Every structure is written in C-alpha cells, then in structure tokens.
C-alpha cells in the first residue's frame, strides 16, 4: 500500500489522470461534433466541388501523420500553445478518417435510408428541393407511404 501512496504523492499521478480525462473527453466530444458536421455536408449537401474536395481529403489518408508534426509544433510554439491543453486538443479535433467515417455512416446508414425514403415519398419535402407538400400524417400511415 505504501507504494501506491508514493505513486500518487511523488509522481502526482492524480493530476496526470485528471489531465488525461479532460483531454480525452474534450477531444471526443468536439471531434465527434466537427467530424459529424463535415461528414453530413459531404454526404447530403450538394455544392460545387464537393466530390473534388472529398477526393482530396481521401488522398490525405495516404500521407503519414508524422509529416505534419514539425509544422504543427512550430505553429503552436508561435501561438504560445505549447504545454497547454489546447495544444493537445486542437490537432485532434478534425481528422480525415473521422470525416470519411461519418460521411459513410450518414450517407449510407439506416437512418439515411429512412430519411431518403421520407423525402422521396414527399413527406419531408420533395428531393428536388421544391416546396414540400402540406400534408400531415401519423405514424400509422407512414408505412403505406414508405412501403
């Protein structure tokens, strides 16, 4: 038991665990939000150069992450973010793989198919973006519209 006491007092393990929890929770929450927003935009929104942007991001998966380490360190040193929470959190907020994964999940997942069926049935509005029908239906009638 004395070894555990020494571990927590001399090495300040409690503070290190708290730092890890703060960084992990913040990065998880913010990266899920940012990657989901970007994935939704790439999966559902139609805009100019959407496919070119997605192909460029996908090509970035071929580059090893170590390529960006030195430029990021120099940038964060210039901004005064070295040895701070934000210096660890910011590089992890948006990742190409996270955006790619969210795009696939949003664009081809079960919920996306249900939403697309509701659009094609005209319940959420026509897929061409014109004015939606003025129809209110109940959940009991939803099956006959969606098939």
Protein backbone atom coordinates (compact mmCIF):
# COMPACT_ATOMS: atom_id res chain seq x y z
CA UNK A 1 0.00 0.00 0.00
CA UNK A 2 2.89 2.35 0.67
CA UNK A 3 3.96 2.03 -2.96
CA UNK A 4 0.59 3.33 -4.14
CA UNK A 5 0.83 6.25 -1.72
CA UNK A 6 4.28 7.07 -3.07
CA UNK A 7 2.98 6.77 -6.61
CA UNK A 8 0.22 9.32 -6.04
CA UNK A 9 2.31 11.73 -3.94
CA UNK A 10 5.71 11.77 -5.59
CA UNK A 11 4.65 11.39 -9.20
CA UNK A 12 1.41 13.37 -8.89
CA UNK A 13 -0.46 10.59 -10.65
CA UNK A 14 -3.86 12.00 -9.69
CA UNK A 15 -3.18 15.21 -11.62
CA UNK A 16 -1.96 13.24 -14.63
CA UNK A 17 -5.13 11.13 -14.62
CA UNK A 18 -7.25 14.28 -14.43
CA UNK A 19 -5.34 15.86 -17.33
CA UNK A 20 -5.85 12.72 -19.41
CA UNK A 21 -9.57 12.66 -18.64
CA UNK A 22 -10.02 16.34 -19.52
CA UNK A 23 -8.20 15.98 -22.84
CA UNK A 24 -9.90 12.69 -23.75
CA UNK A 25 -13.42 13.90 -23.01
CA UNK A 26 -12.94 17.25 -24.76
CA UNK A 27 -11.34 15.72 -27.87
CA UNK A 28 -14.01 13.04 -28.10
CA UNK A 29 -16.93 15.45 -27.80
CA UNK A 30 -15.57 18.15 -30.09
CA UNK A 31 -14.18 15.81 -32.75
CA UNK A 32 -17.48 13.92 -32.90
CA UNK A 33 -19.28 17.22 -33.43
CA UNK A 34 -16.88 18.60 -36.05
CA UNK A 35 -16.47 15.33 -37.95
CA UNK A 36 -20.23 14.77 -37.97
CA UNK A 37 -20.91 18.24 -39.35
CA UNK A 38 -18.30 17.83 -42.07
CA UNK A 39 -19.47 14.28 -42.85
CA UNK A 40 -23.07 15.45 -43.15
CA UNK A 41 -22.07 18.25 -45.51
CA UNK A 42 -20.11 15.85 -47.71
CA UNK A 43 -22.84 13.19 -47.65
CA UNK A 44 -26.06 15.16 -48.03
CA UNK A 45 -25.43 18.71 -49.23
CA UNK A 46 -24.90 19.42 -52.89
CA UNK A 47 -22.31 22.11 -53.56
CA UNK A 48 -19.72 22.92 -56.15
CA UNK A 49 -16.51 20.87 -55.98
CA UNK A 50 -17.97 18.54 -53.33
CA UNK A 51 -16.57 15.38 -54.91
CA UNK A 52 -13.23 17.02 -55.64
CA UNK A 53 -12.97 18.11 -52.00
CA UNK A 54 -13.82 14.62 -50.81
CA UNK A 55 -11.25 13.04 -53.15
CA UNK A 56 -8.61 15.50 -51.92
CA UNK A 57 -9.39 14.68 -48.30
CA UNK A 58 -9.34 10.96 -49.09
CA UNK A 59 -5.93 11.35 -50.72
CA UNK A 60 -4.74 12.85 -47.45
CA UNK A 61 -5.26 9.45 -45.84
CA UNK A 62 -2.24 8.24 -47.80
CA UNK A 63 0.10 10.68 -46.01
CA UNK A 64 1.57 9.63 -42.68
CA UNK A 65 0.60 11.81 -39.72
CA UNK A 66 4.27 12.40 -38.88
CA UNK A 67 4.55 14.77 -41.86
CA UNK A 68 2.51 17.40 -40.03
CA UNK A 69 4.22 17.14 -36.63
CA UNK A 70 7.02 19.67 -37.12
CA UNK A 71 4.88 22.34 -38.86
CA UNK A 72 2.19 21.98 -36.18
CA UNK A 73 4.75 22.30 -33.40
CA UNK A 74 6.26 25.42 -34.95
CA UNK A 75 2.79 26.92 -35.44
CA UNK A 76 1.71 26.17 -31.88
CA UNK A 77 5.01 27.46 -30.50
CA UNK A 78 4.42 30.73 -32.34
CA UNK A 79 0.87 30.91 -30.94
CA UNK A 80 2.02 30.11 -27.40
CA UNK A 81 0.03 26.87 -27.20
CA UNK A 82 2.93 24.56 -26.30
CA UNK A 83 2.43 22.83 -22.91
CA UNK A 84 -1.26 23.68 -22.77
CA UNK A 85 -4.50 21.75 -23.06
CA UNK A 86 -5.38 23.44 -26.35
CA UNK A 87 -2.02 22.47 -27.82
CA UNK A 88 -3.04 18.83 -27.41
CA UNK A 89 -6.75 19.21 -28.19
CA UNK A 90 -6.70 21.33 -31.38
CA UNK A 91 -4.71 18.91 -33.61
CA UNK A 92 -7.12 16.11 -32.72
CA UNK A 93 -10.38 17.96 -33.39
CA UNK A 94 -10.95 17.11 -37.04
CA UNK A 95 -9.45 14.11 -38.74
CA UNK A 96 -9.71 12.98 -42.33
CA UNK A 97 -10.57 9.47 -41.24
CA UNK A 98 -13.26 10.75 -38.86
CA UNK A 99 -14.86 12.84 -41.62
CA UNK A 100 -14.66 9.90 -44.04
CA UNK A 101 -16.24 7.56 -41.49
CA UNK A 102 -19.05 9.98 -40.62
CA UNK A 103 -19.75 10.60 -44.32
CA UNK A 104 -20.18 6.89 -44.91
CA UNK A 105 -22.32 6.45 -41.81
CA UNK A 106 -24.54 9.44 -42.55
CA UNK A 107 -24.74 8.86 -46.30
CA UNK A 108 -25.33 5.13 -46.30
CA UNK A 109 -26.60 4.24 -42.82
CA UNK A 110 -30.06 3.03 -41.88
CA UNK A 111 -31.21 6.46 -40.71
CA UNK A 112 -30.10 7.99 -44.01
CA UNK A 113 -32.18 5.45 -45.94
CA UNK A 114 -35.27 6.24 -43.84
CA UNK A 115 -34.81 9.99 -44.34
CA UNK A 116 -34.27 9.49 -48.08
CA UNK A 117 -37.46 7.40 -48.28
CA UNK A 118 -39.40 10.14 -46.50
CA UNK A 119 -38.04 12.68 -48.98
CA UNK A 120 -38.97 10.53 -51.98
CA UNK A 121 -42.46 9.98 -50.56
CA UNK A 122 -42.85 13.75 -50.30
CA UNK A 123 -43.40 13.68 -46.54
CA UNK A 124 -40.29 15.68 -45.63
CA UNK A 125 -40.38 17.53 -48.92
CA UNK A 126 -39.57 16.56 -52.48
CA UNK A 127 -35.98 15.51 -53.19
CA UNK A 128 -35.61 18.26 -55.80
CA UNK A 129 -35.84 20.97 -53.11
CA UNK A 130 -39.15 22.46 -54.21
CA UNK A 131 -41.89 23.42 -51.77
CA UNK A 132 -42.93 20.46 -49.60
CA UNK A 133 -46.49 19.17 -49.69
CA UNK A 134 -48.81 20.44 -47.00
CA UNK A 135 -49.57 17.01 -45.60
CA UNK A 136 -49.60 15.84 -42.03
CA UNK A 137 -49.72 12.11 -41.46
CA UNK A 138 -49.50 9.91 -38.43
CA UNK A 139 -47.02 7.15 -37.74
CA UNK A 140 -49.70 4.55 -38.51
CA UNK A 141 -49.90 5.88 -42.11
CA UNK A 142 -46.14 6.18 -42.53
CA UNK A 143 -45.68 2.53 -43.58
CA UNK A 144 -48.00 2.81 -46.54
CA UNK A 145 -46.09 5.88 -47.82
CA UNK A 146 -42.65 4.39 -47.36
CA UNK A 147 -43.53 0.87 -48.38
